[in-house]
Amino acid sequence: MTTHEATATDPTPPTAEPAHLRTARQLQHLTDRADIADLLDRYLRSLDEGVFDEAWGRAFYAEDATAEMPLGTVRGRDAVVARIREGMALFDRTVHLGGNAVIEIDGDRATARGAQLSTHVLADGSEALFVSGGHADTELVRTPDGWRIAASALRIVWTGGTPPHLPAGMGPAHAA
């Protein structure tokens, strides 16, 4: 039973955990949840800012991260950053929105699943729009620098508009 399911008539006795330890544990959980939600929000916002350098990668991804995206699955922070840089170069402007994230924390690991809506203006000069909606599944790990993405999977459910033309060698079949 989760704490959300407990009622005033719940016959389960309170734990013997001292109140100060329970409060400290609850505070840590809330702090972790806020830090993870902030990381995910900052990540989506950063996609629209377009700076995908080494510092950007370190701010969001664990060194051995894996990312599954429409352009294929890549492993290692440097490969993830390179693939995101390549993919985002297909667009002149973007707006990424995320929401409804459900975050589950288990010690130094966590998962998050949220909805993602992405609007893109193609970089081919046509000003055509490409829109996609789906789910972002993310595994996170606590590092000495804070929470980082250990694995991510963007699962597109629908698209609309004009998709970008992928250059030769770019796409799932060519992912490392």
C-alpha atoms as a PDB file:
ATOM      1  CA  MET A   1       0.000   0.000   0.000  1.00  0.00           C
ATOM      2  CA  THR A   2       1.375   3.401  -0.888  1.00  0.00           C
ATOM      3  CA  THR A   3       1.107   6.409   1.374  1.00  0.00           C
ATOM      4  CA  HIS A   4      -1.524   7.763  -1.003  1.00  0.00           C
ATOM      5  CA  GLU A   5      -3.727   4.730  -0.322  1.00  0.00           C
ATOM      6  CA  ALA A   6      -3.548   4.952   3.469  1.00  0.00           C
ATOM      7  CA  THR A   7      -6.689   6.087   5.211  1.00  0.00           C
ATOM      8  CA  ALA A   8      -7.610   7.140   8.720  1.00  0.00           C
ATOM      9  CA  THR A   9      -9.008   3.633   9.262  1.00  0.00           C
ATOM     10  CA  ASP A  10      -5.774   1.916   8.194  1.00  0.00           C
ATOM     11  CA  PRO A  11      -5.054  -0.690  10.912  1.00  0.00           C
ATOM     12  CA  THR A  12      -1.330  -0.772  10.090  1.00  0.00           C
ATOM     13  CA  PRO A  13       0.596   0.637  13.052  1.00  0.00           C
ATOM     14  CA  PRO A  14       3.129   3.404  12.424  1.00  0.00           C
ATOM     15  CA  THR A  15       6.715   2.241  12.057  1.00  0.00           C
ATOM     16  CA  ALA A  16       9.069   2.369  14.992  1.00  0.00           C
ATOM     17  CA  GLU A  17      11.263   4.774  13.056  1.00  0.00           C
ATOM     18  CA  PRO A  18      11.978   7.895  15.116  1.00  0.00           C
ATOM     19  CA  ALA A  19      10.142  10.967  13.850  1.00  0.00           C
ATOM     20  CA  HIS A  20      13.336  12.915  13.106  1.00  0.00           C
ATOM     21  CA  LEU A  21      14.667  10.078  10.913  1.00  0.00           C
ATOM     22  CA  ARG A  22      11.334   9.706   9.125  1.00  0.00           C
ATOM     23  CA  THR A  23      11.258  13.470   8.521  1.00  0.00           C
ATOM     24  CA  ALA A  24      14.840  13.439   7.206  1.00  0.00           C
ATOM     25  CA  ARG A  25      14.029  10.520   4.863  1.00  0.00           C
ATOM     26  CA  GLN A  26      10.888  12.238   3.595  1.00  0.00           C
ATOM     27  CA  LEU A  27      12.761  15.497   3.072  1.00  0.00           C
ATOM     28  CA  GLN A  28      15.481  13.681   1.104  1.00  0.00           C
ATOM     29  CA  HIS A  29      12.818  12.019  -1.061  1.00  0.00           C
ATOM     30  CA  LEU A  30      11.123  15.350  -1.780  1.00  0.00           C
ATOM     31  CA  THR A  31      14.464  17.023  -2.512  1.00  0.00           C
ATOM     32  CA  ASP A  32      15.467  14.199  -4.871  1.00  0.00           C
ATOM     33  CA  ARG A  33      12.106  14.396  -6.643  1.00  0.00           C
ATOM     34  CA  ALA A  34      12.426  18.167  -7.085  1.00  0.00           C
ATOM     35  CA  ASP A  35      16.012  17.802  -8.353  1.00  0.00           C
ATOM     36  CA  ILE A  36      14.972  15.161 -10.883  1.00  0.00           C
ATOM     37  CA  ALA A  37      11.961  17.173 -12.098  1.00  0.00           C
ATOM     38  CA  ASP A  38      14.219  20.221 -12.452  1.00  0.00           C
ATOM     39  CA  LEU A  39      16.808  18.224 -14.425  1.00  0.00           C
ATOM     40  CA  LEU A  40      14.127  16.948 -16.828  1.00  0.00           C
ATOM     41  CA  ASP A  41      12.643  20.434 -17.295  1.00  0.00           C
ATOM     42  CA  ARG A  42      16.061  22.021 -17.839  1.00  0.00           C
ATOM     43  CA  TYR A  43      16.906  19.266 -20.326  1.00  0.00           C
ATOM     44  CA  LEU A  44      13.849  19.940 -22.491  1.00  0.00           C
ATOM     45  CA  ARG A  45      14.437  23.682 -22.318  1.00  0.00           C
ATOM     46  CA  SER A  46      18.084  23.204 -23.309  1.00  0.00           C
ATOM     47  CA  LEU A  47      17.052  21.375 -26.483  1.00  0.00           C
ATOM     48  CA  ASP A  48      15.489  24.646 -27.646  1.00  0.00           C
ATOM     49  CA  GLU A  49      18.606  26.662 -26.787  1.00  0.00           C
ATOM     50  CA  GLY A  50      20.781  24.617 -29.155  1.00  0.00           C
ATOM     51  CA  VAL A  51      24.111  24.383 -27.312  1.00  0.00           C
ATOM     52  CA  PHE A  52      25.189  20.738 -27.337  1.00  0.00           C
ATOM     53  CA  ASP A  53      28.792  20.798 -26.190  1.00  0.00           C
ATOM     54  CA  GLU A  54      30.757  18.735 -23.677  1.00  0.00           C
ATOM     55  CA  ALA A  55      29.580  20.840 -20.732  1.00  0.00           C
ATOM     56  CA  TRP A  56      25.972  20.351 -21.834  1.00  0.00           C
ATOM     57  CA  GLY A  57      26.501  16.601 -21.956  1.00  0.00           C
ATOM     58  CA  ARG A  58      28.044  16.523 -18.457  1.00  0.00           C
ATOM     59  CA  ALA A  59      25.158  18.605 -17.079  1.00  0.00           C
ATOM     60  CA  PHE A  60      22.561  16.046 -18.159  1.00  0.00           C
ATOM     61  CA  TYR A  61      24.072  12.619 -18.888  1.00  0.00           C
ATOM     62  CA  ALA A  62      26.062  10.029 -16.968  1.00  0.00           C
ATOM     63  CA  GLU A  63      29.286   9.064 -18.723  1.00  0.00           C
ATOM     64  CA  ASP A  64      27.992   5.615 -19.731  1.00  0.00           C
ATOM     65  CA  ALA A  65      24.488   6.808 -20.695  1.00  0.00           C
ATOM     66  CA  THR A  66      22.374   5.114 -23.331  1.00  0.00           C
ATOM     67  CA  ALA A  67      19.811   6.980 -25.405  1.00  0.00           C
ATOM     68  CA  GLU A  68      17.133   5.437 -27.599  1.00  0.00           C
ATOM     69  CA  MET A  69      15.725   8.053 -29.960  1.00  0.00           C
ATOM     70  CA  PRO A  70      14.064   8.202 -33.367  1.00  0.00           C
ATOM     71  CA  LEU A  71      17.520   8.469 -34.952  1.00  0.00           C
ATOM     72  CA  GLY A  72      18.677   5.240 -33.305  1.00  0.00           C
ATOM     73  CA  THR A  73      20.196   4.052 -30.054  1.00  0.00           C
ATOM     74  CA  VAL A  74      23.601   5.306 -28.964  1.00  0.00           C
ATOM     75  CA  ARG A  75      25.816   4.480 -25.996  1.00  0.00           C
ATOM     76  CA  GLY A  76      28.172   6.720 -24.068  1.00  0.00           C
ATOM     77  CA  ARG A  77      27.767  10.392 -23.229  1.00  0.00           C
ATOM     78  CA  ASP A  78      29.890  11.608 -26.157  1.00  0.00           C
ATOM     79  CA  ALA A  79      27.855   9.555 -28.646  1.00  0.00           C
ATOM     80  CA  VAL A  80      24.580  10.789 -27.122  1.00  0.00           C
ATOM     81  CA  VAL A  81      25.692  14.424 -27.375  1.00  0.00           C
ATOM     82  CA  ALA A  82      26.871  13.949 -30.973  1.00  0.00           C
ATOM     83  CA  ARG A  83      23.592  12.300 -32.027  1.00  0.00           C
ATOM     84  CA  ILE A  84      21.460  14.985 -30.377  1.00  0.00           C
ATOM     85  CA  ARG A  85      23.586  17.691 -32.018  1.00  0.00           C
ATOM     86  CA  GLU A  86      23.095  16.014 -35.436  1.00  0.00           C
ATOM     87  CA  GLY A  87      19.373  15.572 -34.939  1.00  0.00           C
ATOM     88  CA  MET A  88      18.720  19.066 -33.664  1.00  0.00           C
ATOM     89  CA  ALA A  89      20.688  20.554 -36.592  1.00  0.00           C
ATOM     90  CA  LEU A  90      17.779  19.441 -38.790  1.00  0.00           C
ATOM     91  CA  PHE A  91      15.653  22.176 -37.228  1.00  0.00           C
ATOM     92  CA  ASP A  92      15.873  25.950 -37.253  1.00  0.00           C
ATOM     93  CA  ARG A  93      13.745  26.452 -34.140  1.00  0.00           C
ATOM     94  CA  THR A  94      12.069  24.114 -31.667  1.00  0.00           C
ATOM     95  CA  VAL A  95       9.798  24.063 -28.640  1.00  0.00           C
ATOM     96  CA  HIS A  96       9.855  20.981 -26.409  1.00  0.00           C
ATOM     97  CA  LEU A  97       7.215  20.521 -23.722  1.00  0.00           C
ATOM     98  CA  GLY A  98       7.135  17.807 -21.109  1.00  0.00           C
ATOM     99  CA  GLY A  99       4.616  16.965 -18.477  1.00  0.00           C
ATOM    100  CA  ASN A 100       2.770  14.394 -16.429  1.00  0.00           C
ATOM    101  CA  ALA A 101       6.072  12.965 -15.217  1.00  0.00           C
ATOM    102  CA  VAL A 102       5.793  10.104 -12.776  1.00  0.00           C
ATOM    103  CA  ILE A 103       9.045   9.845 -10.839  1.00  0.00           C
ATOM    104  CA  GLU A 104       9.955   6.762  -8.812  1.00  0.00           C
ATOM    105  CA  ILE A 105      13.031   6.933  -6.578  1.00  0.00           C
ATOM    106  CA  ASP A 106      14.914   3.956  -5.161  1.00  0.00           C
ATOM    107  CA  GLY A 107      18.000   5.104  -3.304  1.00  0.00           C
ATOM    108  CA  ASP A 108      20.571   6.397  -5.799  1.00  0.00           C
ATOM    109  CA  ARG A 109      18.540   5.334  -8.834  1.00  0.00           C
ATOM    110  CA  ALA A 110      15.265   6.641 -10.199  1.00  0.00           C
ATOM    111  CA  THR A 111      12.923   6.337 -13.158  1.00  0.00           C
ATOM    112  CA  ALA A 112      10.700   8.927 -14.750  1.00  0.00           C
ATOM    113  CA  ARG A 113       8.053   8.621 -17.425  1.00  0.00           C
ATOM    114  CA  GLY A 114       6.445  11.685 -18.882  1.00  0.00           C
ATOM    115  CA  ALA A 115       4.672  12.937 -21.956  1.00  0.00           C
ATOM    116  CA  GLN A 116       6.621  14.954 -24.508  1.00  0.00           C
ATOM    117  CA  LEU A 117       5.331  17.244 -27.228  1.00  0.00           C
ATOM    118  CA  SER A 118       7.904  18.629 -29.660  1.00  0.00           C
ATOM    119  CA  THR A 119       7.347  21.286 -32.311  1.00  0.00           C
ATOM    120  CA  HIS A 120      10.082  21.854 -34.892  1.00  0.00           C
ATOM    121  CA  VAL A 121      10.598  24.352 -37.718  1.00  0.00           C
ATOM    122  CA  LEU A 122      12.659  22.668 -40.429  1.00  0.00           C
ATOM    123  CA  ALA A 123      16.109  24.106 -41.131  1.00  0.00           C
ATOM    124  CA  ASP A 124      15.755  23.605 -44.902  1.00  0.00           C
ATOM    125  CA  GLY A 125      14.398  27.127 -45.400  1.00  0.00           C
ATOM    126  CA  SER A 126      10.829  25.961 -45.988  1.00  0.00           C
ATOM    127  CA  GLU A 127       9.568  27.074 -42.541  1.00  0.00           C
ATOM    128  CA  ALA A 128       7.597  23.790 -42.543  1.00  0.00           C
ATOM    129  CA  LEU A 129       6.506  22.415 -39.183  1.00  0.00           C
ATOM    130  CA  PHE A 130       7.137  18.930 -37.878  1.00  0.00           C
ATOM    131  CA  VAL A 131       5.371  18.005 -34.647  1.00  0.00           C
ATOM    132  CA  SER A 132       5.668  14.847 -32.591  1.00  0.00           C
ATOM    133  CA  GLY A 133       4.123  13.532 -29.407  1.00  0.00           C
ATOM    134  CA  GLY A 134       5.137  10.626 -27.283  1.00  0.00           C
ATOM    135  CA  HIS A 135       6.579   9.414 -24.033  1.00  0.00           C
ATOM    136  CA  ALA A 136      10.002   9.895 -22.532  1.00  0.00           C
ATOM    137  CA  ASP A 137      11.166   7.035 -20.319  1.00  0.00           C
ATOM    138  CA  THR A 138      14.224   7.968 -18.300  1.00  0.00           C
ATOM    139  CA  GLU A 139      16.479   6.131 -15.880  1.00  0.00           C
ATOM    140  CA  LEU A 140      18.510   8.372 -13.608  1.00  0.00           C
ATOM    141  CA  VAL A 141      21.453   7.873 -11.300  1.00  0.00           C
ATOM    142  CA  ARG A 142      22.742   9.986  -8.439  1.00  0.00           C
ATOM    143  CA  THR A 143      26.322  11.115  -9.126  1.00  0.00           C
ATOM    144  CA  PRO A 144      28.679  13.304  -7.096  1.00  0.00           C
ATOM    145  CA  ASP A 145      27.455  16.174  -9.321  1.00  0.00           C
ATOM    146  CA  GLY A 146      23.759  15.427  -8.775  1.00  0.00           C
ATOM    147  CA  TRP A 147      21.173  13.393 -10.680  1.00  0.00           C
ATOM    148  CA  ARG A 148      22.083  12.489 -14.268  1.00  0.00           C
ATOM    149  CA  ILE A 149      20.364  10.567 -17.062  1.00  0.00           C
ATOM    150  CA  ALA A 150      21.695   7.002 -17.251  1.00  0.00           C
ATOM    151  CA  ALA A 151      19.313   5.808 -19.966  1.00  0.00           C
ATOM    152  CA  SER A 152      16.550   7.433 -21.951  1.00  0.00           C
ATOM    153  CA  ALA A 153      14.041   6.312 -24.528  1.00  0.00           C
ATOM    154  CA  LEU A 154      11.868   8.670 -26.543  1.00  0.00           C
ATOM    155  CA  ARG A 155       8.920   6.704 -27.870  1.00  0.00           C
ATOM    156  CA  ILE A 156       7.042   8.683 -30.506  1.00  0.00           C
ATOM    157  CA  VAL A 157       3.316   7.914 -30.582  1.00  0.00           C
ATOM    158  CA  TRP A 158       2.275  10.285 -33.377  1.00  0.00           C
ATOM    159  CA  THR A 159       3.681  12.842 -35.787  1.00  0.00           C
ATOM    160  CA  GLY A 160       2.235  15.597 -37.931  1.00  0.00           C
ATOM    161  CA  GLY A 161       3.485  17.959 -40.570  1.00  0.00           C
ATOM    162  CA  THR A 162       6.581  17.645 -42.721  1.00  0.00           C
ATOM    163  CA  PRO A 163       9.308  15.359 -41.380  1.00  0.00           C
ATOM    164  CA  PRO A 164      12.910  16.440 -41.936  1.00  0.00           C
ATOM    165  CA  HIS A 165      14.937  14.915 -44.739  1.00  0.00           C
ATOM    166  CA  LEU A 166      17.587  12.765 -43.097  1.00  0.00           C
ATOM    167  CA  PRO A 167      21.068  13.048 -44.616  1.00  0.00           C
ATOM    168  CA  ALA A 168      22.704   9.838 -45.853  1.00  0.00           C
ATOM    169  CA  GLY A 169      24.067   7.857 -42.944  1.00  0.00           C
ATOM    170  CA  MET A 170      21.685   9.323 -40.363  1.00  0.00           C
ATOM    171  CA  GLY A 171      18.964   7.197 -38.867  1.00  0.00           C
ATOM    172  CA  PRO A 172      18.354   4.107 -36.772  1.00  0.00           C
ATOM    173  CA  ALA A 173      20.218   1.753 -39.109  1.00  0.00           C
ATOM    174  CA  HIS A 174      23.364   3.884 -38.737  1.00  0.00           C
ATOM    175  CA  ALA A 175      23.343   4.391 -34.964  1.00  0.00           C
ATOM    176  CA  ALA A 176      26.417   3.349 -33.025  1.00  0.00           C
END
